[in-house]
Every structure is written in structure tokens, then in C-alpha cells.
Amino acid sequence: MEFTQEFIEQYKLSDEQVKGIIDSTNEQVAELKKTWDGKANSDAESILQGAIKYTQTQTGFSLEREQGEKAGDYFTRFSDNYLTSQKSDLKQAKLDYEEKMKGVKGNETLSAEYEALKVKNDDLLQKYADYDEIKADADKAKAYGEELSGLKLEVSFNSIKPQFPDTVNKYEAKALWDEFKNGVLSKNTIELVDNVPMAVDKENKHKVVKLEDLLDKNEPLSKLLEGRQQKGTGSKSVPMVDIDGLPFKVPENADGKTRSTIIKEHLTKIGISQTSPEYATKFAELNKKIQVGKTQLA
């Protein structure tokens, strides 16, 4: 949440009042977001664990899920191990039967054991026949896992996507952003480490870089984020001035709306979103520096 300078001046709000209102609002938004994200992850995991437990119950075959293992990978591994186990049991049952039958015929005890083995063999054959259905369920689970993976990528990139200035051509911005994403994904996989999106090199898993750092090093997007301060076709660029203590230049005679825009763009670029607890404090500090700096330059 943010207030324009005009709004602050109109209602005669002090810096402390602005900061208090923004801090309170941002804390509530951040808490709600945290609750929603946690519930979504919890619900998804509960569904997957339920599917795993149901599959194990129906097949009578138990296989522990490894720490951090994706659901799709687990079901693929489960189906492969289950089929191997059933084939092994079937082979052993056949060997047991053939051993019992060697040199013995008509024995009542043996006949009873034979019937028991036959029932076991039929049961194994039935489970083997159900394998296709189990495999189909595993494929569905794998597809669901891939869908979750795609959602993770979208959330990761959107969390660092900068707010381009209004003066930037939106088609150019989209093309450069898509080029950046495709370039990253061609060489890396994306993982969340403590909720921070990280790029993991496909050829060297020990080479891990923050996704945000890759964005900062992307020259085409960095240039685009500098903005194009123009007021119409054929007009001259607005003069930009340096102000002590600011890491960016400010348009000369910038009004409240312009100040809000460039401050928000800067904070977004360095990874401080509007839902961050730091956002309000940083915004107020930068806004005050611009106002003081403009007075000194006047």
C-alpha cells in the first residue's frame, strides 16, 4: 500500500502517521498471504498423501516416500517396485508348487497345499492384472505433480518480476522478460530455498544462484528499468538530477506521483515488494531524501 504525496499533503499526514498506517496494512496483508500460501501447500500435500495411502492399502504393498521426493516420481517408483515384487512372488509360488509335486501324487496333505498355492497364485495373477489401473493412477499423479511444478515456476518468476515504468513499450518489455525466463530455464532448474527462488545449474547442481541476482545482471532489462522520461512525441527528455544518499537519479521538479513511481520501481528492483515489512520504512526514507534534496537543489 502507498500514498501519493498529494494525498499526504491534502490530509496533513505526518511521516509517522503515514508509516504507521502503511506498516499496519502491510503486516495484515503479509499475514493473510502467509496463511493462504500455507493452507494451499498443506491441502495439496494432504491430497497427495491420501492418494499414496490409498494406493498402498489397495495393493497391500508398502514403499516409503523419500524425503523431499516429488509425488509423480514416487508413484513411478512405486509402480515399478510393485510390479517387480509381484513377479517375484509369482515366480516363487510356481517354484514352491513344482517342488511339492516332485515324486508325490495323490497325497491329501499335498493336495490341500496345492489348492492353497493355487489360490495364492490366482490372487497374484489378479493383482498383476490390476497393474494397468494402478499405473494409470500413477500417471495421473505424475501429471498433477508436473502441474504443481509449473505453478512453482510461475510464482518464482512473478515474485521477482519488476514493475516497468509507464513510459516503457509493453510489447518490448514482455519480449525481453520472456527472453530472460527462457534463457534461465534453458540452463537451470528452479527450486525454492527458504521461500527464495534459486536457479540450480543443470550441469552442476552445486552452482546455485538467486533468481533475483540473475535478473540484476540482465543488461537489456536493467536498461529498460531505467525508464524513458518523456512527455510526448518529439519532446525533450526530462532532466535527471543526482541527490545525495539516493542510489538513483530523480527527474527534475518531480511531483508526488513521479516520486512514488520511481521509488516503487527501485524497491521492486532490489527485491522489496509492497507486501514486505520493510517496504513502508524504505519508501518513507527515500521519499524524504528526495524532498530534502529538491529543497537543497532549488
C-alpha atoms as a PDB file:
ATOM      1  CA  MET A   1       0.000   0.000   0.000  1.00  0.00           C
ATOM      2  CA  GLU A   2       1.278   3.521  -0.700  1.00  0.00           C
ATOM      3  CA  PHE A   3       0.109   7.131  -0.501  1.00  0.00           C
ATOM      4  CA  THR A   4       0.861   9.803  -3.058  1.00  0.00           C
ATOM      5  CA  GLN A   5       2.431  12.976  -1.799  1.00  0.00           C
ATOM      6  CA  GLU A   6      -0.706  14.902  -2.812  1.00  0.00           C
ATOM      7  CA  PHE A   7      -2.818  12.611  -0.599  1.00  0.00           C
ATOM      8  CA  ILE A   8      -0.409  13.069   2.330  1.00  0.00           C
ATOM      9  CA  GLU A   9      -0.405  16.826   1.929  1.00  0.00           C
ATOM     10  CA  GLN A  10      -4.173  17.044   1.457  1.00  0.00           C
ATOM     11  CA  TYR A  11      -4.878  15.240   4.751  1.00  0.00           C
ATOM     12  CA  LYS A  12      -1.855  16.766   6.520  1.00  0.00           C
ATOM     13  CA  LEU A  13      -0.413  13.397   7.492  1.00  0.00           C
ATOM     14  CA  SER A  14       2.915  13.295   9.283  1.00  0.00           C
ATOM     15  CA  ASP A  15       5.681  10.850   8.307  1.00  0.00           C
ATOM     16  CA  GLU A  16       4.951   8.875  11.497  1.00  0.00           C
ATOM     17  CA  GLN A  17       1.248   8.616  10.635  1.00  0.00           C
ATOM     18  CA  VAL A  18       1.994   7.515   7.055  1.00  0.00           C
ATOM     19  CA  LYS A  19       4.494   4.929   8.250  1.00  0.00           C
ATOM     20  CA  GLY A  20       2.084   3.663  10.932  1.00  0.00           C
ATOM     21  CA  ILE A  21      -0.799   3.223   8.502  1.00  0.00           C
ATOM     22  CA  ILE A  22       1.358   1.540   5.849  1.00  0.00           C
ATOM     23  CA  ASP A  23       3.121  -0.742   8.360  1.00  0.00           C
ATOM     24  CA  SER A  24      -0.186  -1.873   9.843  1.00  0.00           C
ATOM     25  CA  THR A  25      -1.719  -2.561   6.423  1.00  0.00           C
ATOM     26  CA  ASN A  26       1.365  -4.372   5.097  1.00  0.00           C
ATOM     27  CA  GLU A  27       1.542  -6.583   8.189  1.00  0.00           C
ATOM     28  CA  GLN A  28      -2.079  -7.645   7.733  1.00  0.00           C
ATOM     29  CA  VAL A  29      -1.577  -8.339   4.013  1.00  0.00           C
ATOM     30  CA  ALA A  30       1.617 -10.298   4.668  1.00  0.00           C
ATOM     31  CA  GLU A  31      -0.059 -12.369   7.388  1.00  0.00           C
ATOM     32  CA  LEU A  32      -3.033 -13.167   5.147  1.00  0.00           C
ATOM     33  CA  LYS A  33      -0.721 -14.138   2.282  1.00  0.00           C
ATOM     34  CA  LYS A  34       1.310 -16.361   4.602  1.00  0.00           C
ATOM     35  CA  THR A  35      -1.880 -18.069   5.830  1.00  0.00           C
ATOM     36  CA  TRP A  36      -3.214 -18.608   2.267  1.00  0.00           C
ATOM     37  CA  ASP A  37       0.117 -19.950   0.977  1.00  0.00           C
ATOM     38  CA  GLY A  38       0.443 -22.309   3.947  1.00  0.00           C
ATOM     39  CA  LYS A  39      -3.096 -23.640   3.517  1.00  0.00           C
ATOM     40  CA  ALA A  40      -2.612 -24.211  -0.221  1.00  0.00           C
ATOM     41  CA  ASN A  41       0.604 -26.158   0.358  1.00  0.00           C
ATOM     42  CA  SER A  42      -0.964 -28.121   3.233  1.00  0.00           C
ATOM     43  CA  ASP A  43      -4.075 -29.027   1.198  1.00  0.00           C
ATOM     44  CA  ALA A  44      -2.000 -30.156  -1.795  1.00  0.00           C
ATOM     45  CA  GLU A  45       0.247 -32.309   0.394  1.00  0.00           C
ATOM     46  CA  SER A  46      -2.763 -33.849   2.181  1.00  0.00           C
ATOM     47  CA  ILE A  47      -4.313 -34.852  -1.165  1.00  0.00           C
ATOM     48  CA  LEU A  48      -1.072 -36.473  -2.326  1.00  0.00           C
ATOM     49  CA  GLN A  49      -0.541 -38.308   0.989  1.00  0.00           C
ATOM     50  CA  GLY A  50      -4.113 -39.583   0.810  1.00  0.00           C
ATOM     51  CA  ALA A  51      -3.514 -40.911  -2.707  1.00  0.00           C
ATOM     52  CA  ILE A  52      -0.310 -42.636  -1.561  1.00  0.00           C
ATOM     53  CA  LYS A  53      -2.006 -44.259   1.443  1.00  0.00           C
ATOM     54  CA  TYR A  54      -4.965 -45.416  -0.666  1.00  0.00           C
ATOM     55  CA  THR A  55      -2.665 -46.991  -3.264  1.00  0.00           C
ATOM     56  CA  GLN A  56      -0.689 -48.828  -0.584  1.00  0.00           C
ATOM     57  CA  THR A  57      -3.900 -50.123   1.050  1.00  0.00           C
ATOM     58  CA  GLN A  58      -5.382 -51.354  -2.217  1.00  0.00           C
ATOM     59  CA  THR A  59      -2.216 -53.123  -3.369  1.00  0.00           C
ATOM     60  CA  GLY A  60      -1.037 -54.376   0.017  1.00  0.00           C
ATOM     61  CA  PHE A  61       2.416 -53.132  -0.940  1.00  0.00           C
ATOM     62  CA  SER A  62       4.300 -50.615   1.191  1.00  0.00           C
ATOM     63  CA  LEU A  63       7.063 -48.318  -0.042  1.00  0.00           C
ATOM     64  CA  GLU A  64       8.214 -45.308   1.948  1.00  0.00           C
ATOM     65  CA  ARG A  65       8.282 -41.918   0.252  1.00  0.00           C
ATOM     66  CA  GLU A  66      11.768 -40.407   0.365  1.00  0.00           C
ATOM     67  CA  GLN A  67      12.406 -37.020   1.995  1.00  0.00           C
ATOM     68  CA  GLY A  68      11.546 -34.250  -0.468  1.00  0.00           C
ATOM     69  CA  GLU A  69      10.539 -36.740  -3.214  1.00  0.00           C
ATOM     70  CA  LYS A  70       8.001 -35.379  -5.733  1.00  0.00           C
ATOM     71  CA  ALA A  71       4.678 -37.211  -5.815  1.00  0.00           C
ATOM     72  CA  GLY A  72       4.951 -38.038  -9.529  1.00  0.00           C
ATOM     73  CA  ASP A  73       8.430 -39.562  -9.067  1.00  0.00           C
ATOM     74  CA  TYR A  74       7.219 -41.554  -6.039  1.00  0.00           C
ATOM     75  CA  PHE A  75       4.280 -43.132  -7.908  1.00  0.00           C
ATOM     76  CA  THR A  76       6.537 -44.076 -10.825  1.00  0.00           C
ATOM     77  CA  ARG A  77       8.997 -45.723  -8.426  1.00  0.00           C
ATOM     78  CA  PHE A  78       6.134 -47.368  -6.515  1.00  0.00           C
ATOM     79  CA  SER A  79       4.614 -48.917  -9.637  1.00  0.00           C
ATOM     80  CA  ASP A  80       7.993 -50.240 -10.820  1.00  0.00           C
ATOM     81  CA  ASN A  81       8.807 -51.776  -7.427  1.00  0.00           C
ATOM     82  CA  TYR A  82       5.291 -53.181  -7.043  1.00  0.00           C
ATOM     83  CA  LEU A  83       5.411 -54.927 -10.409  1.00  0.00           C
ATOM     84  CA  THR A  84       8.858 -56.377  -9.659  1.00  0.00           C
ATOM     85  CA  SER A  85       7.622 -57.650  -6.283  1.00  0.00           C
ATOM     86  CA  GLN A  86       4.536 -59.294  -7.777  1.00  0.00           C
ATOM     87  CA  LYS A  87       6.555 -61.017 -10.478  1.00  0.00           C
ATOM     88  CA  SER A  88       8.972 -62.296  -7.842  1.00  0.00           C
ATOM     89  CA  ASP A  89       6.130 -63.650  -5.665  1.00  0.00           C
ATOM     90  CA  LEU A  90       4.555 -65.343  -8.661  1.00  0.00           C
ATOM     91  CA  LYS A  91       7.818 -66.978  -9.640  1.00  0.00           C
ATOM     92  CA  GLN A  92       8.426 -68.185  -6.068  1.00  0.00           C
ATOM     93  CA  ALA A  93       4.907 -69.617  -5.834  1.00  0.00           C
ATOM     94  CA  LYS A  94       5.491 -71.577  -9.026  1.00  0.00           C
ATOM     95  CA  LEU A  95       8.814 -72.933  -7.733  1.00  0.00           C
ATOM     96  CA  ASP A  96       7.195 -73.944  -4.420  1.00  0.00           C
ATOM     97  CA  TYR A  97       4.443 -75.750  -6.256  1.00  0.00           C
ATOM     98  CA  GLU A  98       6.819 -77.637  -8.541  1.00  0.00           C
ATOM     99  CA  GLU A  99       8.954 -78.673  -5.571  1.00  0.00           C
ATOM    100  CA  LYS A 100       5.930 -80.047  -3.724  1.00  0.00           C
ATOM    101  CA  MET A 101       4.796 -82.020  -6.743  1.00  0.00           C
ATOM    102  CA  LYS A 102       8.106 -83.820  -7.313  1.00  0.00           C
ATOM    103  CA  GLY A 103       7.632 -87.558  -6.860  1.00  0.00           C
ATOM    104  CA  VAL A 104       4.381 -87.202  -4.908  1.00  0.00           C
ATOM    105  CA  LYS A 105       0.883 -87.738  -6.252  1.00  0.00           C
ATOM    106  CA  GLY A 106      -2.453 -88.356  -4.556  1.00  0.00           C
ATOM    107  CA  ASN A 107      -1.304 -87.229  -1.109  1.00  0.00           C
ATOM    108  CA  GLU A 108      -4.199 -85.425   0.605  1.00  0.00           C
ATOM    109  CA  THR A 109      -1.936 -83.022   2.521  1.00  0.00           C
ATOM    110  CA  LEU A 110      -0.142 -82.152  -0.660  1.00  0.00           C
ATOM    111  CA  SER A 111      -3.427 -81.661  -2.453  1.00  0.00           C
ATOM    112  CA  ALA A 112      -4.548 -79.209   0.205  1.00  0.00           C
ATOM    113  CA  GLU A 113      -1.252 -77.320  -0.042  1.00  0.00           C
ATOM    114  CA  TYR A 114      -1.586 -77.332  -3.807  1.00  0.00           C
ATOM    115  CA  GLU A 115      -5.038 -75.783  -3.595  1.00  0.00           C
ATOM    116  CA  ALA A 116      -3.698 -73.124  -1.201  1.00  0.00           C
ATOM    117  CA  LEU A 117      -0.856 -72.337  -3.580  1.00  0.00           C
ATOM    118  CA  LYS A 118      -3.270 -72.235  -6.480  1.00  0.00           C
ATOM    119  CA  VAL A 119      -5.425 -69.670  -4.635  1.00  0.00           C
ATOM    120  CA  LYS A 120      -2.307 -67.601  -3.875  1.00  0.00           C
ATOM    121  CA  ASN A 121      -1.249 -67.868  -7.487  1.00  0.00           C
ATOM    122  CA  ASP A 122      -4.681 -66.736  -8.684  1.00  0.00           C
ATOM    123  CA  ASP A 123      -4.541 -63.791  -6.275  1.00  0.00           C
ATOM    124  CA  LEU A 124      -1.156 -62.763  -7.609  1.00  0.00           C
ATOM    125  CA  LEU A 125      -2.427 -63.004 -11.167  1.00  0.00           C
ATOM    126  CA  GLN A 126      -5.396 -60.792 -10.257  1.00  0.00           C
ATOM    127  CA  LYS A 127      -3.115 -58.163  -8.708  1.00  0.00           C
ATOM    128  CA  TYR A 128      -0.905 -58.327 -11.759  1.00  0.00           C
ATOM    129  CA  ALA A 129      -3.970 -57.750 -13.933  1.00  0.00           C
ATOM    130  CA  ASP A 130      -4.790 -54.644 -11.856  1.00  0.00           C
ATOM    131  CA  TYR A 131      -1.340 -53.207 -12.553  1.00  0.00           C
ATOM    132  CA  ASP A 132      -2.522 -51.227 -15.583  1.00  0.00           C
ATOM    133  CA  GLU A 133      -5.129 -49.444 -13.479  1.00  0.00           C
ATOM    134  CA  ILE A 134      -2.552 -48.654 -10.772  1.00  0.00           C
ATOM    135  CA  LYS A 135      -0.120 -47.414 -13.413  1.00  0.00           C
ATOM    136  CA  ALA A 136      -2.840 -45.132 -14.826  1.00  0.00           C
ATOM    137  CA  ASP A 137      -3.413 -43.650 -11.358  1.00  0.00           C
ATOM    138  CA  ALA A 138       0.339 -43.108 -11.029  1.00  0.00           C
ATOM    139  CA  ASP A 139       0.420 -41.290 -14.374  1.00  0.00           C
ATOM    140  CA  LYS A 140      -2.380 -39.002 -13.187  1.00  0.00           C
ATOM    141  CA  ALA A 141      -0.451 -38.257 -10.010  1.00  0.00           C
ATOM    142  CA  LYS A 142       2.665 -37.507 -12.051  1.00  0.00           C
ATOM    143  CA  ALA A 143       0.690 -35.092 -14.229  1.00  0.00           C
ATOM    144  CA  TYR A 144      -0.588 -33.376 -11.083  1.00  0.00           C
ATOM    145  CA  GLY A 145       2.989 -33.110  -9.834  1.00  0.00           C
ATOM    146  CA  GLU A 146       4.043 -31.506 -13.118  1.00  0.00           C
ATOM    147  CA  GLU A 147       1.164 -29.028 -12.791  1.00  0.00           C
ATOM    148  CA  LEU A 148       2.385 -28.077  -9.312  1.00  0.00           C
ATOM    149  CA  SER A 149       5.908 -27.685 -10.709  1.00  0.00           C
ATOM    150  CA  GLY A 150       4.641 -25.298 -13.385  1.00  0.00           C
ATOM    151  CA  LEU A 151       2.826 -23.282 -10.728  1.00  0.00           C
ATOM    152  CA  LYS A 152       6.051 -23.077  -8.715  1.00  0.00           C
ATOM    153  CA  LEU A 153       7.888 -21.652 -11.736  1.00  0.00           C
ATOM    154  CA  GLU A 154       5.174 -19.046 -12.333  1.00  0.00           C
ATOM    155  CA  VAL A 155       5.200 -17.951  -8.692  1.00  0.00           C
ATOM    156  CA  SER A 156       9.034 -17.844  -8.604  1.00  0.00           C
ATOM    157  CA  PHE A 157       9.386 -15.605 -11.658  1.00  0.00           C
ATOM    158  CA  ASN A 158       6.425 -13.391 -10.716  1.00  0.00           C
ATOM    159  CA  SER A 159       7.970 -12.771  -7.278  1.00  0.00           C
ATOM    160  CA  ILE A 160      10.980 -11.029  -8.883  1.00  0.00           C
ATOM    161  CA  LYS A 161       9.306  -9.523 -11.935  1.00  0.00           C
ATOM    162  CA  PRO A 162       9.995  -5.771 -11.925  1.00  0.00           C
ATOM    163  CA  GLN A 163       7.404  -3.027 -12.327  1.00  0.00           C
ATOM    164  CA  PHE A 164       8.292  -1.447 -15.652  1.00  0.00           C
ATOM    165  CA  PRO A 165       7.860   2.345 -15.997  1.00  0.00           C
ATOM    166  CA  ASP A 166       4.732   3.537 -17.810  1.00  0.00           C
ATOM    167  CA  THR A 167       6.970   5.034 -20.493  1.00  0.00           C
ATOM    168  CA  VAL A 168       8.276   1.594 -21.499  1.00  0.00           C
ATOM    169  CA  ASN A 169       6.740  -0.130 -24.528  1.00  0.00           C
ATOM    170  CA  LYS A 170       4.776  -3.037 -23.029  1.00  0.00           C
ATOM    171  CA  TYR A 171       5.464  -5.325 -26.008  1.00  0.00           C
ATOM    172  CA  GLU A 172       9.195  -4.713 -25.776  1.00  0.00           C
ATOM    173  CA  ALA A 173       9.074  -5.333 -22.011  1.00  0.00           C
ATOM    174  CA  LYS A 174       7.191  -8.618 -22.483  1.00  0.00           C
ATOM    175  CA  ALA A 175       9.610  -9.809 -25.184  1.00  0.00           C
ATOM    176  CA  LEU A 176      12.674  -9.071 -23.025  1.00  0.00           C
ATOM    177  CA  TRP A 177      11.063 -10.661 -19.960  1.00  0.00           C
ATOM    178  CA  ASP A 178      10.166 -13.846 -21.887  1.00  0.00           C
ATOM    179  CA  GLU A 179      13.688 -13.968 -23.311  1.00  0.00           C
ATOM    180  CA  PHE A 180      15.107 -13.696 -19.782  1.00  0.00           C
ATOM    181  CA  LYS A 181      12.893 -16.515 -18.460  1.00  0.00           C
ATOM    182  CA  ASN A 182      13.637 -18.844 -21.380  1.00  0.00           C
ATOM    183  CA  GLY A 183      17.350 -18.167 -21.044  1.00  0.00           C
ATOM    184  CA  VAL A 184      17.309 -19.040 -17.334  1.00  0.00           C
ATOM    185  CA  LEU A 185      15.221 -22.209 -17.782  1.00  0.00           C
ATOM    186  CA  SER A 186      17.396 -23.472 -20.660  1.00  0.00           C
ATOM    187  CA  LYS A 187      20.353 -23.791 -18.303  1.00  0.00           C
ATOM    188  CA  ASN A 188      18.792 -24.109 -14.847  1.00  0.00           C
ATOM    189  CA  THR A 189      16.056 -25.679 -12.791  1.00  0.00           C
ATOM    190  CA  ILE A 190      14.201 -23.518 -10.261  1.00  0.00           C
ATOM    191  CA  GLU A 191      13.997 -24.523  -6.601  1.00  0.00           C
ATOM    192  CA  LEU A 192      12.647 -22.696  -3.545  1.00  0.00           C
ATOM    193  CA  VAL A 193      15.122 -22.431  -0.677  1.00  0.00           C
ATOM    194  CA  ASP A 194      13.523 -20.872   2.426  1.00  0.00           C
ATOM    195  CA  ASN A 195      10.858 -19.450   0.043  1.00  0.00           C
ATOM    196  CA  VAL A 196      13.568 -17.733  -2.038  1.00  0.00           C
ATOM    197  CA  PRO A 197      13.601 -18.776  -5.743  1.00  0.00           C
ATOM    198  CA  MET A 198      17.040 -20.146  -6.687  1.00  0.00           C
ATOM    199  CA  ALA A 199      18.451 -21.144 -10.096  1.00  0.00           C
ATOM    200  CA  VAL A 200      20.282 -24.507  -9.966  1.00  0.00           C
ATOM    201  CA  ASP A 201      22.635 -25.205 -12.879  1.00  0.00           C
ATOM    202  CA  LYS A 202      21.501 -28.317 -14.787  1.00  0.00           C
ATOM    203  CA  GLU A 203      25.086 -29.466 -15.356  1.00  0.00           C
ATOM    204  CA  ASN A 204      26.429 -28.557 -11.924  1.00  0.00           C
ATOM    205  CA  LYS A 205      23.893 -28.871  -9.102  1.00  0.00           C
ATOM    206  CA  HIS A 206      26.332 -27.168  -6.712  1.00  0.00           C
ATOM    207  CA  LYS A 207      26.138 -23.952  -8.743  1.00  0.00           C
ATOM    208  CA  VAL A 208      23.174 -22.178  -7.163  1.00  0.00           C
ATOM    209  CA  VAL A 209      22.303 -18.513  -7.770  1.00  0.00           C
ATOM    210  CA  LYS A 210      19.413 -16.366  -6.588  1.00  0.00           C
ATOM    211  CA  LEU A 211      16.934 -15.834  -9.421  1.00  0.00           C
ATOM    212  CA  GLU A 212      16.841 -12.165  -8.443  1.00  0.00           C
ATOM    213  CA  ASP A 213      20.639 -11.870  -8.943  1.00  0.00           C
ATOM    214  CA  LEU A 214      20.307 -13.211 -12.489  1.00  0.00           C
ATOM    215  CA  LEU A 215      17.693 -10.540 -13.159  1.00  0.00           C
ATOM    216  CA  ASP A 216      20.012  -7.806 -11.849  1.00  0.00           C
ATOM    217  CA  LYS A 217      22.756  -8.992 -14.233  1.00  0.00           C
ATOM    218  CA  ASN A 218      20.447  -8.957 -17.268  1.00  0.00           C
ATOM    219  CA  GLU A 219      21.603  -5.860 -19.166  1.00  0.00           C
ATOM    220  CA  PRO A 220      18.606  -5.429 -21.550  1.00  0.00           C
ATOM    221  CA  LEU A 221      16.091  -5.489 -18.680  1.00  0.00           C
ATOM    222  CA  SER A 222      18.278  -3.265 -16.480  1.00  0.00           C
ATOM    223  CA  LYS A 223      18.393  -0.621 -19.205  1.00  0.00           C
ATOM    224  CA  LEU A 224      14.656  -0.864 -19.700  1.00  0.00           C
ATOM    225  CA  LEU A 225      14.068  -0.368 -15.967  1.00  0.00           C
ATOM    226  CA  GLU A 226      15.896   2.982 -16.100  1.00  0.00           C
ATOM    227  CA  GLY A 227      12.761   4.325 -17.812  1.00  0.00           C
ATOM    228  CA  ARG A 228      12.254   6.799 -20.607  1.00  0.00           C
ATOM    229  CA  GLN A 229      11.260  10.122 -19.149  1.00  0.00           C
ATOM    230  CA  GLN A 230       9.343  11.812 -21.979  1.00  0.00           C
ATOM    231  CA  LYS A 231       6.174  13.918 -22.130  1.00  0.00           C
ATOM    232  CA  GLY A 232       5.127  13.328 -25.720  1.00  0.00           C
ATOM    233  CA  THR A 233       6.351  12.617 -29.216  1.00  0.00           C
ATOM    234  CA  GLY A 234       9.198  14.897 -30.206  1.00  0.00           C
ATOM    235  CA  SER A 235       9.582  16.417 -26.720  1.00  0.00           C
ATOM    236  CA  LYS A 236      12.913  16.610 -24.925  1.00  0.00           C
ATOM    237  CA  SER A 237      13.844  14.226 -22.121  1.00  0.00           C
ATOM    238  CA  VAL A 238      13.174  15.493 -18.604  1.00  0.00           C
ATOM    239  CA  PRO A 239      16.486  16.461 -16.917  1.00  0.00           C
ATOM    240  CA  MET A 240      17.606  13.954 -14.286  1.00  0.00           C
ATOM    241  CA  VAL A 241      19.420  15.102 -11.137  1.00  0.00           C
ATOM    242  CA  ASP A 242      21.586  13.375  -8.524  1.00  0.00           C
ATOM    243  CA  ILE A 243      20.609  13.684  -4.866  1.00  0.00           C
ATOM    244  CA  ASP A 244      22.963  12.777  -2.033  1.00  0.00           C
ATOM    245  CA  GLY A 245      22.119   9.459  -0.421  1.00  0.00           C
ATOM    246  CA  LEU A 246      19.989   8.170  -3.309  1.00  0.00           C
ATOM    247  CA  PRO A 247      21.121   5.211  -5.462  1.00  0.00           C
ATOM    248  CA  PHE A 248      19.197   6.533  -8.481  1.00  0.00           C
ATOM    249  CA  LYS A 249      18.618   9.791 -10.352  1.00  0.00           C
ATOM    250  CA  VAL A 250      15.407  11.782  -9.970  1.00  0.00           C
ATOM    251  CA  PRO A 251      13.557  13.792 -12.639  1.00  0.00           C
ATOM    252  CA  GLU A 252      13.916  17.496 -12.045  1.00  0.00           C
ATOM    253  CA  ASN A 253      10.809  19.003 -10.386  1.00  0.00           C
ATOM    254  CA  ALA A 254       9.341  15.501  -9.836  1.00  0.00           C
ATOM    255  CA  ASP A 255       5.809  15.662  -8.431  1.00  0.00           C
ATOM    256  CA  GLY A 256       4.339  13.280  -5.857  1.00  0.00           C
ATOM    257  CA  LYS A 257       3.129  10.746  -8.414  1.00  0.00           C
ATOM    258  CA  THR A 258       6.516  10.642 -10.153  1.00  0.00           C
ATOM    259  CA  ARG A 259       8.327  10.223  -6.836  1.00  0.00           C
ATOM    260  CA  SER A 260       6.027   7.349  -5.842  1.00  0.00           C
ATOM    261  CA  THR A 261       6.580   5.617  -9.187  1.00  0.00           C
ATOM    262  CA  ILE A 262      10.389   5.779  -9.186  1.00  0.00           C
ATOM    263  CA  ILE A 263      10.639   4.776  -5.512  1.00  0.00           C
ATOM    264  CA  LYS A 264       8.362   1.754  -6.080  1.00  0.00           C
ATOM    265  CA  GLU A 265      10.393   0.718  -9.146  1.00  0.00           C
ATOM    266  CA  HIS A 266      13.642   0.944  -7.188  1.00  0.00           C
ATOM    267  CA  LEU A 267      12.333  -1.071  -4.231  1.00  0.00           C
ATOM    268  CA  THR A 268      10.914  -3.724  -6.574  1.00  0.00           C
ATOM    269  CA  LYS A 269      14.241  -3.965  -8.388  1.00  0.00           C
ATOM    270  CA  ILE A 270      16.152  -4.632  -5.148  1.00  0.00           C
ATOM    271  CA  GLY A 271      13.633  -7.267  -4.035  1.00  0.00           C
ATOM    272  CA  ILE A 272      11.440  -5.324  -1.580  1.00  0.00           C
ATOM    273  CA  SER A 273       7.826  -5.918  -2.619  1.00  0.00           C
ATOM    274  CA  GLN A 274       4.818  -3.954  -1.388  1.00  0.00           C
ATOM    275  CA  THR A 275       3.939  -6.806   1.000  1.00  0.00           C
ATOM    276  CA  SER A 276       7.368  -6.715   2.648  1.00  0.00           C
ATOM    277  CA  PRO A 277       7.554  -5.368   6.225  1.00  0.00           C
ATOM    278  CA  GLU A 278      10.477  -3.203   5.053  1.00  0.00           C
ATOM    279  CA  TYR A 279       8.543  -1.564   2.224  1.00  0.00           C
ATOM    280  CA  ALA A 280       6.852   1.275   4.132  1.00  0.00           C
ATOM    281  CA  THR A 281      10.012   2.261   6.027  1.00  0.00           C
ATOM    282  CA  LYS A 282      12.217   2.234   2.935  1.00  0.00           C
ATOM    283  CA  PHE A 283       9.605   4.131   0.917  1.00  0.00           C
ATOM    284  CA  ALA A 284       9.330   6.875   3.550  1.00  0.00           C
ATOM    285  CA  GLU A 285      13.140   7.207   3.823  1.00  0.00           C
ATOM    286  CA  LEU A 286      13.625   7.575   0.067  1.00  0.00           C
ATOM    287  CA  ASN A 287      10.674   9.942  -0.335  1.00  0.00           C
ATOM    288  CA  LYS A 288      12.038  12.198   2.423  1.00  0.00           C
ATOM    289  CA  LYS A 289      15.504  12.225   0.845  1.00  0.00           C
ATOM    290  CA  ILE A 290      14.020  13.305  -2.483  1.00  0.00           C
ATOM    291  CA  GLN A 291      12.054  16.120  -0.858  1.00  0.00           C
ATOM    292  CA  VAL A 292      15.068  17.339   1.144  1.00  0.00           C
ATOM    293  CA  GLY A 293      17.327  17.009  -1.891  1.00  0.00           C
ATOM    294  CA  LYS A 294      14.953  19.029  -4.078  1.00  0.00           C
ATOM    295  CA  THR A 295      14.967  21.814  -1.475  1.00  0.00           C
ATOM    296  CA  GLN A 296      18.770  21.874  -1.449  1.00  0.00           C
ATOM    297  CA  LEU A 297      18.935  21.999  -5.242  1.00  0.00           C
ATOM    298  CA  ALA A 298      16.383  24.796  -5.518  1.00  0.00           C
END
